[in-house]
């Protein structure tokens, strides 16, 4: 391995040369406390910045193994270090001068959720830390300015490492609070299973957000307080006693007037599948990790999904056991989303009446009398919601502002009034007796067929240069194929989209062999992730460095991405 002195000599040699001479710096260099790896050098100062890694040996970093002795602690520890170095690096960005992106120092900036990110990772075997970032190598025009790069590599970065990645300069009390919070959050998740709950919302939680474009907590918001009848008291390992609202398994209905907090509650539960940082207001809002938000999604593609549980006997004779369309309606899209979530292992459905297809959710008594079940191809969700729980163990939390028919099907009914919940199950059930919903029980459905065999697209397999692009949290493209994920609402970060693009590309190359089902391919991917982390689908798996802009998605979102591929997935049914 080369030394830091070798890098200094090289910079002196290429100073004032044409920008392509920066390519010679690629490689690893031993600094006093870490290894600097220049993984990719940009083509010119106006191109995407160069990619750099900092590797700090475990003995130098000096953190106790207890910081990462469980999965939840490891992710929280990595997140803590990343937030520290991100703040420090921002102070030095563009302090070195030059043209274009010269002097840029950039690293992932986590939001309110605590996600596993490639920007900062720890090797649990030896405590080695790896930080991945981008640097704009300085130039005047397209002439190398090695002196300015020297400031970054020999002044700014060593100072950032010393102040953020070493236990000797780490505020131990702050780190301990982060790890204790992670322990407590994991404890609540385990208690959900033991107590037959699907979600927990702590008293004192702040659910409203600052604005529609900000995930920060709203100032002076109404704090959450559980109804007495739904109160659950937990004894957390570190925080001690914590009371809040426990939502039991089954069918839960959230009702109330407009602007009283129904959708705000549901949104908090949607993102409760992730842990949140202290001060977010939702750090003790914990939802079953497999919960999936369902909605209508007009125009999405559906790839031979068995939606016969909800839609059958179409007048044109189309097969709904292997339903395919490039332009789904509201009802067929929500039916497909529901069945695909079942395939993805969802234990809870989260539904908002406002974003659902009305004819998928409900058919009132008058409509049933006028248009009988025999001629209506849609079996509405209301006729399956109890069956989904009783037969498949899938609970539902539904927000409804106008349809009272679900009173008949619900185990628990909560009314939101000025952002405060009140349990009204007995009252609502009594009132519902005067408004019968159904003319008869629907017949039980057969379990959906999930045996879709996935084949590699021949054109994709021939393409040696596979281009990927991420569009915020709206979707990604692989070559010319766009995957629209605008309505997959539990994707919390654009870096999850980038990871999904890499995962889909990797699976097309290695998993879609014409023998595995879609489910087997997904499980195989997550098996590799458990063994290799991000290298399971990029970087080391394909002979290159791991990008620093990835955040790990849940398998439910990987299923969602694969199911929305229009051309890259070719499926057929297993015999």
Protein backbone atom coordinates (compact mmCIF):
# COMPACT_ATOMS: atom_id res chain seq x y z
CA UNK A 1 0.00 0.00 0.00
CA UNK A 2 1.23 3.51 -0.80
CA UNK A 3 1.79 6.10 1.91
CA UNK A 4 0.44 9.60 2.46
CA UNK A 5 3.90 10.89 1.47
CA UNK A 6 3.59 9.06 -1.86
CA UNK A 7 0.30 10.85 -2.46
CA UNK A 8 1.89 14.23 -1.64
CA UNK A 9 4.69 13.56 -4.13
CA UNK A 10 2.22 12.53 -6.79
CA UNK A 11 0.19 15.69 -6.30
CA UNK A 12 3.32 17.80 -6.74
CA UNK A 13 4.12 15.96 -9.98
CA UNK A 14 0.69 16.45 -11.55
CA UNK A 15 0.10 20.03 -10.38
CA UNK A 16 -0.90 22.34 -13.25
CA UNK A 17 -1.29 19.41 -15.65
CA UNK A 18 -4.48 18.61 -17.53
CA UNK A 19 -7.34 17.30 -15.39
CA UNK A 20 -7.08 13.66 -16.64
CA UNK A 21 -3.78 13.36 -14.74
CA UNK A 22 -5.85 13.18 -11.53
CA UNK A 23 -6.66 9.58 -12.58
CA UNK A 24 -3.18 8.62 -11.36
CA UNK A 25 -4.26 9.27 -7.75
CA UNK A 26 -6.67 6.33 -7.72
CA UNK A 27 -5.66 3.78 -5.06
CA UNK A 28 -5.14 3.37 -1.31
CA UNK A 29 -2.88 5.45 0.90
CA UNK A 30 -1.88 4.87 4.52
CA UNK A 31 -2.34 7.95 6.68
CA UNK A 32 -1.44 8.12 10.37
CA UNK A 33 -4.87 7.04 11.70
CA UNK A 34 -6.66 5.68 8.65
CA UNK A 35 -6.45 4.49 5.08
CA UNK A 36 -7.60 6.89 2.37
CA UNK A 37 -9.00 5.08 -0.66
CA UNK A 38 -9.57 7.12 -3.81
CA UNK A 39 -12.09 4.86 -5.48
CA UNK A 40 -13.18 6.88 -8.52
CA UNK A 41 -11.81 10.08 -10.04
CA UNK A 42 -14.13 12.41 -11.92
CA UNK A 43 -13.43 13.15 -15.58
CA UNK A 44 -13.41 16.92 -15.23
CA UNK A 45 -14.23 19.51 -12.55
CA UNK A 46 -17.80 19.87 -13.81
CA UNK A 47 -18.58 16.13 -13.69
CA UNK A 48 -19.93 14.10 -10.77
CA UNK A 49 -17.45 14.40 -7.86
CA UNK A 50 -14.74 11.87 -7.11
CA UNK A 51 -15.59 9.03 -4.72
CA UNK A 52 -13.42 8.52 -1.67
CA UNK A 53 -13.44 6.11 1.29
CA UNK A 54 -11.89 6.50 4.72
CA UNK A 55 -11.09 3.25 6.56
CA UNK A 56 -10.31 3.54 10.27
CA UNK A 57 -9.01 0.32 11.92
CA UNK A 58 -11.01 -0.82 14.93
CA UNK A 59 -8.04 -0.46 17.28
CA UNK A 60 -7.57 3.14 16.19
CA UNK A 61 -11.25 4.03 16.36
CA UNK A 62 -11.35 2.49 19.84
CA UNK A 63 -15.11 2.01 20.24
CA UNK A 64 -16.36 -0.68 22.60
CA UNK A 65 -17.84 -3.72 20.87
CA UNK A 66 -21.05 -3.14 22.82
CA UNK A 67 -21.76 -0.24 20.44
CA UNK A 68 -22.54 -2.74 17.67
CA UNK A 69 -23.21 -6.08 19.38
CA UNK A 70 -26.77 -6.26 18.01
CA UNK A 71 -28.21 -5.34 14.63
CA UNK A 72 -30.26 -2.46 15.99
CA UNK A 73 -27.29 -1.06 17.93
CA UNK A 74 -25.02 -1.39 14.92
CA UNK A 75 -27.36 0.64 12.71
CA UNK A 76 -27.87 3.28 15.42
CA UNK A 77 -24.09 3.51 16.01
CA UNK A 78 -23.39 3.94 12.30
CA UNK A 79 -26.12 6.56 12.04
CA UNK A 80 -24.69 8.46 15.03
CA UNK A 81 -21.19 8.63 13.53
CA UNK A 82 -22.53 9.56 10.11
CA UNK A 83 -24.51 12.49 11.49
CA UNK A 84 -21.42 13.72 13.34
CA UNK A 85 -19.08 13.61 10.37
CA UNK A 86 -21.73 15.03 8.02
CA UNK A 87 -21.97 18.17 10.15
CA UNK A 88 -18.20 18.54 10.27
CA UNK A 89 -17.66 17.94 6.55
CA UNK A 90 -20.25 20.56 5.69
CA UNK A 91 -18.07 23.17 7.41
CA UNK A 92 -15.23 22.50 4.96
CA UNK A 93 -17.19 22.12 1.72
CA UNK A 94 -15.94 24.59 -0.92
CA UNK A 95 -13.25 25.92 1.42
CA UNK A 96 -10.84 24.75 -1.27
CA UNK A 97 -11.38 26.83 -4.39
CA UNK A 98 -11.57 26.20 -8.11
CA UNK A 99 -13.87 25.69 -11.09
CA UNK A 100 -17.11 23.73 -11.22
CA UNK A 101 -17.43 21.30 -8.32
CA UNK A 102 -13.91 22.02 -7.08
CA UNK A 103 -13.73 21.89 -3.30
CA UNK A 104 -17.07 20.14 -2.79
CA UNK A 105 -17.15 17.78 0.19
CA UNK A 106 -20.33 15.77 0.32
CA UNK A 107 -21.66 12.86 2.34
CA UNK A 108 -25.07 11.36 3.06
CA UNK A 109 -27.25 13.50 5.34
CA UNK A 110 -29.71 11.27 7.24
CA UNK A 111 -33.25 12.45 7.87
CA UNK A 112 -35.51 11.65 10.81
CA UNK A 113 -35.39 7.89 10.25
CA UNK A 114 -32.49 5.71 11.40
CA UNK A 115 -31.57 3.62 8.36
CA UNK A 116 -28.69 1.35 7.52
CA UNK A 117 -26.58 3.37 5.08
CA UNK A 118 -23.48 2.60 3.05
CA UNK A 119 -22.02 6.04 3.86
CA UNK A 120 -20.86 4.77 7.25
CA UNK A 121 -20.43 1.11 8.15
CA UNK A 122 -18.75 -0.85 10.93
CA UNK A 123 -17.25 -4.31 10.61
CA UNK A 124 -18.64 -6.09 13.65
CA UNK A 125 -15.78 -8.60 13.57
CA UNK A 126 -13.05 -6.05 14.29
CA UNK A 127 -14.67 -2.63 14.75
CA UNK A 128 -13.23 -1.21 11.52
CA UNK A 129 -15.09 1.89 10.32
CA UNK A 130 -15.60 2.79 6.67
CA UNK A 131 -16.89 6.20 5.64
CA UNK A 132 -17.75 6.88 1.99
CA UNK A 133 -18.02 10.40 0.60
CA UNK A 134 -17.53 12.57 -2.49
CA UNK A 135 -14.91 15.22 -3.14
CA UNK A 136 -14.70 17.69 -6.00
CA UNK A 137 -11.02 17.54 -7.01
CA UNK A 138 -10.01 21.20 -7.52
CA UNK A 139 -8.95 22.73 -10.81
CA UNK A 140 -8.55 26.11 -12.44
CA UNK A 141 -10.53 25.66 -15.62
CA UNK A 142 -9.45 22.14 -16.50
CA UNK A 143 -5.96 22.49 -15.07
CA UNK A 144 -5.17 20.61 -11.86
CA UNK A 145 -4.85 22.68 -8.70
CA UNK A 146 -3.05 20.15 -6.51
CA UNK A 147 -2.43 22.64 -3.75
CA UNK A 148 -6.15 23.01 -3.08
CA UNK A 149 -6.65 19.22 -3.14
CA UNK A 150 -3.80 18.96 -0.67
CA UNK A 151 -5.73 21.19 1.74
CA UNK A 152 -8.67 18.78 1.56
CA UNK A 153 -6.74 15.53 1.86
CA UNK A 154 -4.05 16.57 4.33
CA UNK A 155 -5.74 19.26 6.43
CA UNK A 156 -9.54 19.01 6.32
CA UNK A 157 -10.06 15.23 6.25
CA UNK A 158 -7.60 14.30 9.04
CA UNK A 159 -9.24 16.89 11.28
CA UNK A 160 -12.73 15.53 10.47
CA UNK A 161 -11.62 11.98 11.25
CA UNK A 162 -10.00 12.93 14.56
CA UNK A 163 -13.03 14.90 15.73
CA UNK A 164 -15.78 12.47 14.70
CA UNK A 165 -14.61 8.88 14.21
CA UNK A 166 -12.46 8.25 17.29
CA UNK A 167 -13.85 7.20 20.66
CA UNK A 168 -11.42 9.56 22.38
CA UNK A 169 -13.18 12.60 20.88
CA UNK A 170 -16.70 11.15 20.90
CA UNK A 171 -19.19 12.49 23.48
CA UNK A 172 -19.80 9.25 25.35
CA UNK A 173 -23.04 10.37 26.96
CA UNK A 174 -24.57 11.30 23.60
CA UNK A 175 -23.58 7.97 22.09
CA UNK A 176 -24.99 6.10 25.08
CA UNK A 177 -28.34 7.88 24.70
CA UNK A 178 -28.49 6.84 21.04
CA UNK A 179 -27.73 3.21 21.87
CA UNK A 180 -30.18 3.16 24.78
CA UNK A 181 -32.93 4.57 22.56
CA UNK A 182 -32.23 1.85 19.98
CA UNK A 183 -32.47 -0.81 22.72
CA UNK A 184 -35.78 0.63 23.93
CA UNK A 185 -37.22 0.79 20.42
CA UNK A 186 -36.26 -2.81 19.78
CA UNK A 187 -37.78 -3.81 23.10
CA UNK A 188 -41.10 -2.24 22.06
CA UNK A 189 -40.99 -4.14 18.76
CA UNK A 190 -40.52 -7.40 20.62
CA UNK A 191 -43.32 -6.49 23.04
CA UNK A 192 -45.70 -5.93 20.12
CA UNK A 193 -45.38 -9.61 19.24
CA UNK A 194 -45.72 -10.79 22.83
CA UNK A 195 -48.79 -8.66 23.54
CA UNK A 196 -50.58 -9.35 20.24
CA UNK A 197 -50.24 -5.71 19.19
CA UNK A 198 -49.56 -4.26 15.73
CA UNK A 199 -48.56 -0.76 16.85
CA UNK A 200 -47.72 1.38 19.87
CA UNK A 201 -47.99 5.19 20.11
CA UNK A 202 -46.44 6.66 23.25
CA UNK A 203 -48.09 9.32 25.34
CA UNK A 204 -46.36 12.62 24.66
CA UNK A 205 -45.61 11.74 21.03
CA UNK A 206 -45.80 14.56 18.49
CA UNK A 207 -47.37 13.22 15.31
CA UNK A 208 -47.95 16.34 13.14
CA UNK A 209 -45.07 17.47 10.94
CA UNK A 210 -43.82 21.00 10.39
CA UNK A 211 -45.19 21.14 6.83
CA UNK A 212 -45.98 18.99 3.83
CA UNK A 213 -42.36 19.23 2.71
CA UNK A 214 -40.69 18.93 6.12
CA UNK A 215 -40.46 15.84 8.31
CA UNK A 216 -39.51 17.87 11.39
CA UNK A 217 -42.03 17.91 14.26
CA UNK A 218 -44.58 20.71 14.29
CA UNK A 219 -43.89 23.34 16.92
CA UNK A 220 -46.57 23.76 19.59
CA UNK A 221 -48.40 20.69 18.27
CA UNK A 222 -50.96 18.79 20.36
CA UNK A 223 -49.15 15.97 22.13
CA UNK A 224 -50.61 12.49 21.89
CA UNK A 225 -52.51 10.94 24.80
CA UNK A 226 -53.87 7.39 24.74
CA UNK A 227 -57.51 6.59 25.49
CA UNK A 228 -57.72 4.90 28.89
CA UNK A 229 -59.26 1.77 27.36
CA UNK A 230 -56.30 1.28 24.99
CA UNK A 231 -53.56 2.25 27.42
CA UNK A 232 -50.52 -0.01 27.55
CA UNK A 233 -47.66 0.43 30.02
CA UNK A 234 -44.22 -0.86 29.05
CA UNK A 235 -41.13 -1.19 31.24
CA UNK A 236 -38.32 -0.23 28.86
CA UNK A 237 -34.76 -1.39 29.59
CA UNK A 238 -33.39 2.16 29.89
CA UNK A 239 -36.22 4.70 29.86
CA UNK A 240 -38.27 2.75 32.36
CA UNK A 241 -42.07 2.99 32.38
CA UNK A 242 -43.66 4.30 29.21
CA UNK A 243 -47.41 4.47 28.67
CA UNK A 244 -49.16 4.80 25.35
CA UNK A 245 -51.83 3.47 23.04
CA UNK A 246 -51.58 -0.14 21.97
CA UNK A 247 -53.38 -1.15 18.76
CA UNK A 248 -54.32 -4.81 18.94
CA UNK A 249 -54.28 -7.29 16.11
CA UNK A 250 -57.50 -7.41 14.12
CA UNK A 251 -59.41 -4.67 12.30
CA UNK A 252 -59.01 -1.14 13.66
CA UNK A 253 -60.97 1.80 12.27
CA UNK A 254 -59.81 5.40 12.73
CA UNK A 255 -62.60 7.94 12.18
CA UNK A 256 -63.25 11.62 12.78
CA UNK A 257 -63.92 14.92 11.10
CA UNK A 258 -61.68 16.52 8.52
CA UNK A 259 -58.41 18.04 9.78
CA UNK A 260 -58.67 16.29 13.15
CA UNK A 261 -55.58 14.08 12.70
CA UNK A 262 -56.76 10.80 11.13
CA UNK A 263 -54.30 10.80 8.24
CA UNK A 264 -51.58 12.26 10.47
CA UNK A 265 -51.98 9.27 12.76
CA UNK A 266 -51.82 6.85 9.83
CA UNK A 267 -48.73 8.55 8.40
CA UNK A 268 -46.95 8.16 11.74
CA UNK A 269 -47.88 4.47 11.78
CA UNK A 270 -46.66 4.05 8.18
CA UNK A 271 -43.20 5.31 9.11
CA UNK A 272 -43.27 3.53 12.46
CA UNK A 273 -41.76 0.56 10.62
CA UNK A 274 -38.49 2.51 11.01
CA UNK A 275 -36.81 3.79 14.17
CA UNK A 276 -36.59 7.57 14.55
CA UNK A 277 -34.02 9.82 16.16
CA UNK A 278 -34.54 11.41 19.57
CA UNK A 279 -36.49 14.66 19.34
CA UNK A 280 -38.44 13.60 16.27
CA UNK A 281 -41.64 13.22 18.30
CA UNK A 282 -42.24 9.76 16.84
CA UNK A 283 -39.28 7.96 18.40
CA UNK A 284 -41.70 5.83 20.43
CA UNK A 285 -44.22 5.31 17.62
CA UNK A 286 -43.52 1.70 16.71
CA UNK A 287 -45.37 -0.31 14.08
CA UNK A 288 -45.07 -3.96 13.07
CA UNK A 289 -42.03 -3.99 10.76
CA UNK A 290 -43.93 -5.79 8.00
CA UNK A 291 -46.81 -3.27 7.77
CA UNK A 292 -47.64 -2.09 4.25
CA UNK A 293 -49.54 1.02 3.17
CA UNK A 294 -52.11 0.19 0.47
CA UNK A 295 -53.71 2.61 -1.95
CA UNK A 296 -55.13 2.90 -5.46
CA UNK A 297 -52.53 3.49 -8.14
CA UNK A 298 -54.15 4.26 -11.49
CA UNK A 299 -51.92 3.51 -14.46
CA UNK A 300 -49.47 1.09 -12.82
CA UNK A 301 -48.41 -2.08 -14.56
CA UNK A 302 -49.45 -5.44 -13.13
CA UNK A 303 -47.38 -8.51 -13.97
CA UNK A 304 -49.54 -11.65 -13.95
CA UNK A 305 -50.73 -11.20 -10.38
CA UNK A 306 -53.53 -13.37 -8.97
CA UNK A 307 -56.19 -10.80 -8.04
CA UNK A 308 -59.07 -13.29 -8.14
CA UNK A 309 -59.57 -12.85 -4.40
CA UNK A 310 -61.03 -9.43 -5.19
CA UNK A 311 -61.83 -9.37 -8.92
CA UNK A 312 -63.26 -12.19 -11.00
CA UNK A 313 -65.73 -12.91 -13.81
CA UNK A 314 -64.73 -9.90 -15.88
CA UNK A 315 -67.18 -9.36 -18.76
CA UNK A 316 -64.43 -9.66 -21.38
CA UNK A 317 -63.36 -13.02 -19.96
CA UNK A 318 -59.92 -11.80 -18.85
CA UNK A 319 -58.10 -14.13 -16.48
CA UNK A 320 -57.77 -12.55 -13.04
CA UNK A 321 -55.66 -15.41 -11.65
CA UNK A 322 -52.80 -14.24 -13.89
CA UNK A 323 -53.92 -10.66 -14.37
CA UNK A 324 -51.75 -8.50 -16.62
CA UNK A 325 -52.14 -4.90 -17.64
CA UNK A 326 -49.97 -1.92 -18.54
CA UNK A 327 -52.59 0.58 -17.33
CA UNK A 328 -54.44 -0.57 -14.22
CA UNK A 329 -57.62 1.05 -12.96
CA UNK A 330 -58.05 2.23 -9.39
CA UNK A 331 -59.74 -0.98 -8.26
CA UNK A 332 -57.44 -3.42 -10.09
CA UNK A 333 -54.34 -1.55 -8.92
CA UNK A 334 -55.44 -1.64 -5.28
CA UNK A 335 -56.37 -5.31 -5.60
CA UNK A 336 -52.90 -6.04 -6.99
CA UNK A 337 -51.22 -3.94 -4.29
CA UNK A 338 -53.10 -5.93 -1.64
CA UNK A 339 -52.22 -9.36 -3.01
CA UNK A 340 -48.61 -8.37 -3.66
CA UNK A 341 -48.32 -7.14 -0.06
CA UNK A 342 -49.59 -10.54 1.08
CA UNK A 343 -46.87 -12.15 -1.03
CA UNK A 344 -44.30 -9.81 0.55
CA UNK A 345 -45.22 -11.06 4.03
CA UNK A 346 -47.21 -8.09 5.29
CA UNK A 347 -48.72 -8.63 8.73
CA UNK A 348 -50.62 -5.33 8.73
CA UNK A 349 -52.42 -3.32 6.05
CA UNK A 350 -52.56 0.46 6.46
CA UNK A 351 -55.29 2.10 4.38
CA UNK A 352 -56.59 5.64 4.01
CA UNK A 353 -60.05 6.01 2.51
CA UNK A 354 -58.92 9.22 0.75
CA UNK A 355 -56.35 7.43 -1.42
CA UNK A 356 -58.39 4.28 -2.08
CA UNK A 357 -60.66 3.28 -4.96
CA UNK A 358 -64.20 3.59 -3.63
CA UNK A 359 -65.52 0.60 -5.58
CA UNK A 360 -62.68 -1.54 -4.23
CA UNK A 361 -63.35 -0.58 -0.62
CA UNK A 362 -67.16 -0.66 -0.33
CA UNK A 363 -70.54 -1.34 -1.95
CA UNK A 364 -73.41 -0.05 0.11
CA UNK A 365 -76.67 -1.93 0.63
CA UNK A 366 -78.65 0.03 -1.93
CA UNK A 367 -76.06 -0.60 -4.64
CA UNK A 368 -76.04 -4.30 -3.76
CA UNK A 369 -79.82 -4.40 -4.16
CA UNK A 370 -79.71 -2.65 -7.54
CA UNK A 371 -76.55 -4.35 -8.89
CA UNK A 372 -76.35 -7.83 -7.41
CA UNK A 373 -73.15 -9.62 -6.45
CA UNK A 374 -73.62 -12.07 -9.31
CA UNK A 375 -73.01 -9.40 -11.93
CA UNK A 376 -70.42 -7.31 -10.04
CA UNK A 377 -66.86 -8.56 -10.70
CA UNK A 378 -65.35 -6.68 -7.74
CA UNK A 379 -65.45 -8.28 -4.32
CA UNK A 380 -64.88 -5.20 -2.15
CA UNK A 381 -62.26 -5.12 0.57
CA UNK A 382 -64.95 -4.82 3.25
CA UNK A 383 -66.08 -8.36 2.39
CA UNK A 384 -62.53 -9.69 2.76
CA UNK A 385 -61.17 -7.69 5.70
CA UNK A 386 -62.31 -10.20 8.35
CA UNK A 387 -61.17 -13.12 6.23
CA UNK A 388 -57.73 -11.58 5.79
CA UNK A 389 -57.32 -11.51 9.56
CA UNK A 390 -58.99 -14.80 10.45
CA UNK A 391 -57.48 -16.88 7.64
CA UNK A 392 -54.15 -15.18 6.96
CA UNK A 393 -53.42 -13.32 10.21
CA UNK A 394 -53.25 -9.94 8.45
CA UNK A 395 -54.56 -7.03 10.52
CA UNK A 396 -55.94 -3.82 9.02
CA UNK A 397 -55.80 -0.23 10.26
CA UNK A 398 -58.19 1.84 8.18
CA UNK A 399 -58.81 5.60 8.17
CA UNK A 400 -62.39 6.43 7.16
CA UNK A 401 -64.13 9.77 7.18
CA UNK A 402 -67.32 9.07 5.26
CA UNK A 403 -68.06 5.33 5.20
CA UNK A 404 -69.60 3.86 8.34
CA UNK A 405 -70.08 0.36 6.96
CA UNK A 406 -66.72 -0.73 8.36
CA UNK A 407 -68.17 -0.30 11.86
CA UNK A 408 -69.67 -3.77 11.36
CA UNK A 409 -66.29 -5.33 10.56
CA UNK A 410 -64.05 -3.61 13.09
CA UNK A 411 -62.71 -4.90 16.39
CA UNK A 412 -61.73 -1.43 17.59
CA UNK A 413 -62.94 2.03 16.53
CA UNK A 414 -60.98 5.15 17.41
CA UNK A 415 -62.24 8.68 16.87
CA UNK A 416 -59.72 11.48 16.37
CA UNK A 417 -60.87 14.83 17.74
CA UNK A 418 -58.41 17.73 17.55
CA UNK A 419 -55.55 15.26 17.25
CA UNK A 420 -56.63 13.34 20.36
CA UNK A 421 -57.96 9.75 20.14
CA UNK A 422 -61.06 8.41 21.89
CA UNK A 423 -62.14 4.80 21.71
CA UNK A 424 -65.81 4.63 20.61
CA UNK A 425 -66.17 0.95 19.70
CA UNK A 426 -69.24 0.18 21.82
CA UNK A 427 -71.05 3.37 20.81
CA UNK A 428 -70.30 2.95 17.09
CA UNK A 429 -71.32 -0.73 17.12
CA UNK A 430 -74.62 0.17 18.78
CA UNK A 431 -75.35 2.84 16.19
CA UNK A 432 -74.40 0.47 13.37
CA UNK A 433 -77.16 -1.95 14.35
CA UNK A 434 -79.64 0.38 12.69
CA UNK A 435 -77.68 0.35 9.42
CA UNK A 436 -77.05 -3.24 8.29
CA UNK A 437 -74.40 -3.48 5.61
CA UNK A 438 -74.61 -6.75 3.74
CA UNK A 439 -77.26 -8.89 2.09
CA UNK A 440 -75.27 -12.03 2.79
CA UNK A 441 -71.78 -13.26 3.54
CA UNK A 442 -69.27 -13.53 0.71
CA UNK A 443 -67.85 -16.94 -0.03
CA UNK A 444 -64.33 -17.59 1.18
CA UNK A 445 -61.61 -16.98 -1.38
CA UNK A 446 -58.88 -19.36 -2.37
CA UNK A 447 -55.40 -18.38 -1.29
CA UNK A 448 -53.75 -16.29 -4.03
CA UNK A 449 -51.23 -18.11 -6.20
CA UNK A 450 -47.77 -16.65 -5.64
CA UNK A 451 -45.83 -19.11 -7.81
CA UNK A 452 -44.59 -16.68 -10.45
CA UNK A 453 -41.41 -17.87 -12.17
CA UNK A 454 -39.09 -15.00 -13.10
CA UNK A 455 -37.05 -15.07 -16.29
CA UNK A 456 -34.25 -12.78 -17.31
CA UNK A 457 -35.03 -10.39 -20.14
CA UNK A 458 -32.79 -11.54 -23.00
CA UNK A 459 -32.15 -7.97 -24.16
CA UNK A 460 -31.15 -6.98 -20.63
CA UNK A 461 -28.74 -9.91 -20.36
CA UNK A 462 -26.97 -8.90 -23.61
CA UNK A 463 -26.41 -5.31 -22.48
CA UNK A 464 -22.93 -4.93 -21.03
CA UNK A 465 -23.39 -1.25 -20.12
CA UNK A 466 -26.32 -0.96 -17.74
CA UNK A 467 -27.21 2.62 -16.83
CA UNK A 468 -29.13 3.46 -13.66
CA UNK A 469 -30.72 6.71 -12.55
CA UNK A 470 -32.72 7.60 -9.42
CA UNK A 471 -35.44 10.23 -9.45
CA UNK A 472 -35.65 11.32 -5.80
CA UNK A 473 -38.26 9.16 -4.07
CA UNK A 474 -40.40 8.90 -7.21
CA UNK A 475 -38.65 5.96 -8.85
CA UNK A 476 -35.61 4.85 -10.81
CA UNK A 477 -34.66 3.76 -14.29
CA UNK A 478 -32.46 0.95 -15.54
CA UNK A 479 -31.40 1.59 -19.11
CA UNK A 480 -34.63 2.81 -20.76
CA UNK A 481 -36.99 1.12 -18.33
CA UNK A 482 -38.59 3.39 -15.72
CA UNK A 483 -39.93 2.00 -12.45
CA UNK A 484 -42.53 4.32 -10.93
CA UNK A 485 -42.56 4.20 -7.11
CA UNK A 486 -44.34 7.50 -6.40
CA UNK A 487 -47.14 5.73 -4.57
CA UNK A 488 -44.99 3.34 -2.54
CA UNK A 489 -45.34 5.65 0.42
CA UNK A 490 -43.12 3.94 2.98
CA UNK A 491 -39.94 4.70 1.08
CA UNK A 492 -38.45 7.29 3.40
CA UNK A 493 -35.26 8.29 1.61
CA UNK A 494 -33.97 8.67 -1.95
CA UNK A 495 -30.99 6.50 -1.01
CA UNK A 496 -33.39 3.58 -0.59
CA UNK A 497 -34.42 4.13 -4.21
CA UNK A 498 -30.79 4.04 -5.31
CA UNK A 499 -30.29 0.78 -3.42
CA UNK A 500 -33.42 -0.68 -5.02
CA UNK A 501 -32.07 0.14 -8.48
CA UNK A 502 -28.83 -1.72 -7.68
CA UNK A 503 -30.78 -4.64 -6.20
CA UNK A 504 -33.06 -5.01 -9.22
CA UNK A 505 -30.09 -4.84 -11.58
CA UNK A 506 -28.22 -7.47 -9.55
CA UNK A 507 -31.25 -9.78 -9.40
CA UNK A 508 -31.76 -9.54 -13.16
CA UNK A 509 -28.20 -10.69 -13.65
CA UNK A 510 -28.03 -13.40 -10.97
CA UNK A 511 -31.45 -14.50 -9.67
CA UNK A 512 -33.92 -14.46 -12.54
CA UNK A 513 -32.85 -17.77 -14.01
CA UNK A 514 -36.22 -19.18 -15.05
CA UNK A 515 -36.29 -21.60 -12.11
CA UNK A 516 -36.90 -19.39 -9.05
CA UNK A 517 -40.21 -17.81 -8.16
CA UNK A 518 -40.27 -14.10 -7.49
CA UNK A 519 -40.52 -14.80 -3.75
CA UNK A 520 -37.55 -17.19 -3.83
CA UNK A 521 -35.49 -14.61 -5.70
CA UNK A 522 -36.27 -11.93 -3.11
CA UNK A 523 -35.47 -14.24 -0.21
CA UNK A 524 -32.19 -15.19 -1.89
CA UNK A 525 -31.26 -11.52 -2.20
CA UNK A 526 -31.89 -10.86 1.50
CA UNK A 527 -29.97 -13.99 2.43
CA UNK A 528 -26.97 -12.53 0.60
CA UNK A 529 -27.52 -9.17 2.30
CA UNK A 530 -27.39 -10.84 5.73
CA UNK A 531 -24.06 -12.38 4.72
CA UNK A 532 -22.42 -9.48 2.87
CA UNK A 533 -24.38 -6.30 3.51
CA UNK A 534 -24.33 -3.79 0.65
CA UNK A 535 -21.72 -5.86 -1.17
CA UNK A 536 -24.43 -8.44 -1.81
CA UNK A 537 -25.76 -6.34 -4.67
CA UNK A 538 -23.15 -3.75 -5.64
CA UNK A 539 -19.51 -2.85 -5.34
CA UNK A 540 -17.66 -5.90 -4.08
CA UNK A 541 -20.18 -8.25 -5.71
CA UNK A 542 -19.39 -6.73 -9.10
CA UNK A 543 -15.72 -5.88 -8.78
CA UNK A 544 -15.94 -2.26 -7.72
CA UNK A 545 -16.25 -0.04 -4.65
CA UNK A 546 -19.53 0.21 -2.75
CA UNK A 547 -21.25 3.55 -3.48
CA UNK A 548 -21.77 5.86 -0.51
CA UNK A 549 -25.33 6.81 -1.38
CA UNK A 550 -27.30 3.69 -0.44
CA UNK A 551 -29.84 3.06 2.32
CA UNK A 552 -31.23 -0.41 2.92
CA UNK A 553 -34.90 -0.86 1.95
CA UNK A 554 -37.28 -3.42 3.43
CA UNK A 555 -38.10 -6.48 1.40
CA UNK A 556 -41.67 -5.16 1.08
CA UNK A 557 -40.34 -2.24 -0.98
CA UNK A 558 -38.17 -4.56 -3.09
CA UNK A 559 -41.28 -6.59 -3.92
CA UNK A 560 -43.04 -3.33 -4.81
CA UNK A 561 -40.23 -2.28 -7.14
CA UNK A 562 -40.08 -5.64 -8.90
CA UNK A 563 -43.83 -5.76 -9.33
CA UNK A 564 -43.75 -2.37 -11.08
CA UNK A 565 -41.11 -3.30 -13.65
CA UNK A 566 -42.89 -3.14 -17.00
CA UNK A 567 -40.33 -4.80 -19.24
CA UNK A 568 -37.53 -6.12 -17.08
CA UNK A 569 -39.67 -8.80 -15.43
CA UNK A 570 -41.00 -11.68 -17.50
CA UNK A 571 -43.09 -14.06 -15.43
CA UNK A 572 -44.93 -17.30 -15.93
CA UNK A 573 -46.70 -19.62 -13.53
CA UNK A 574 -44.95 -22.63 -12.02
CA UNK A 575 -46.63 -25.97 -12.71
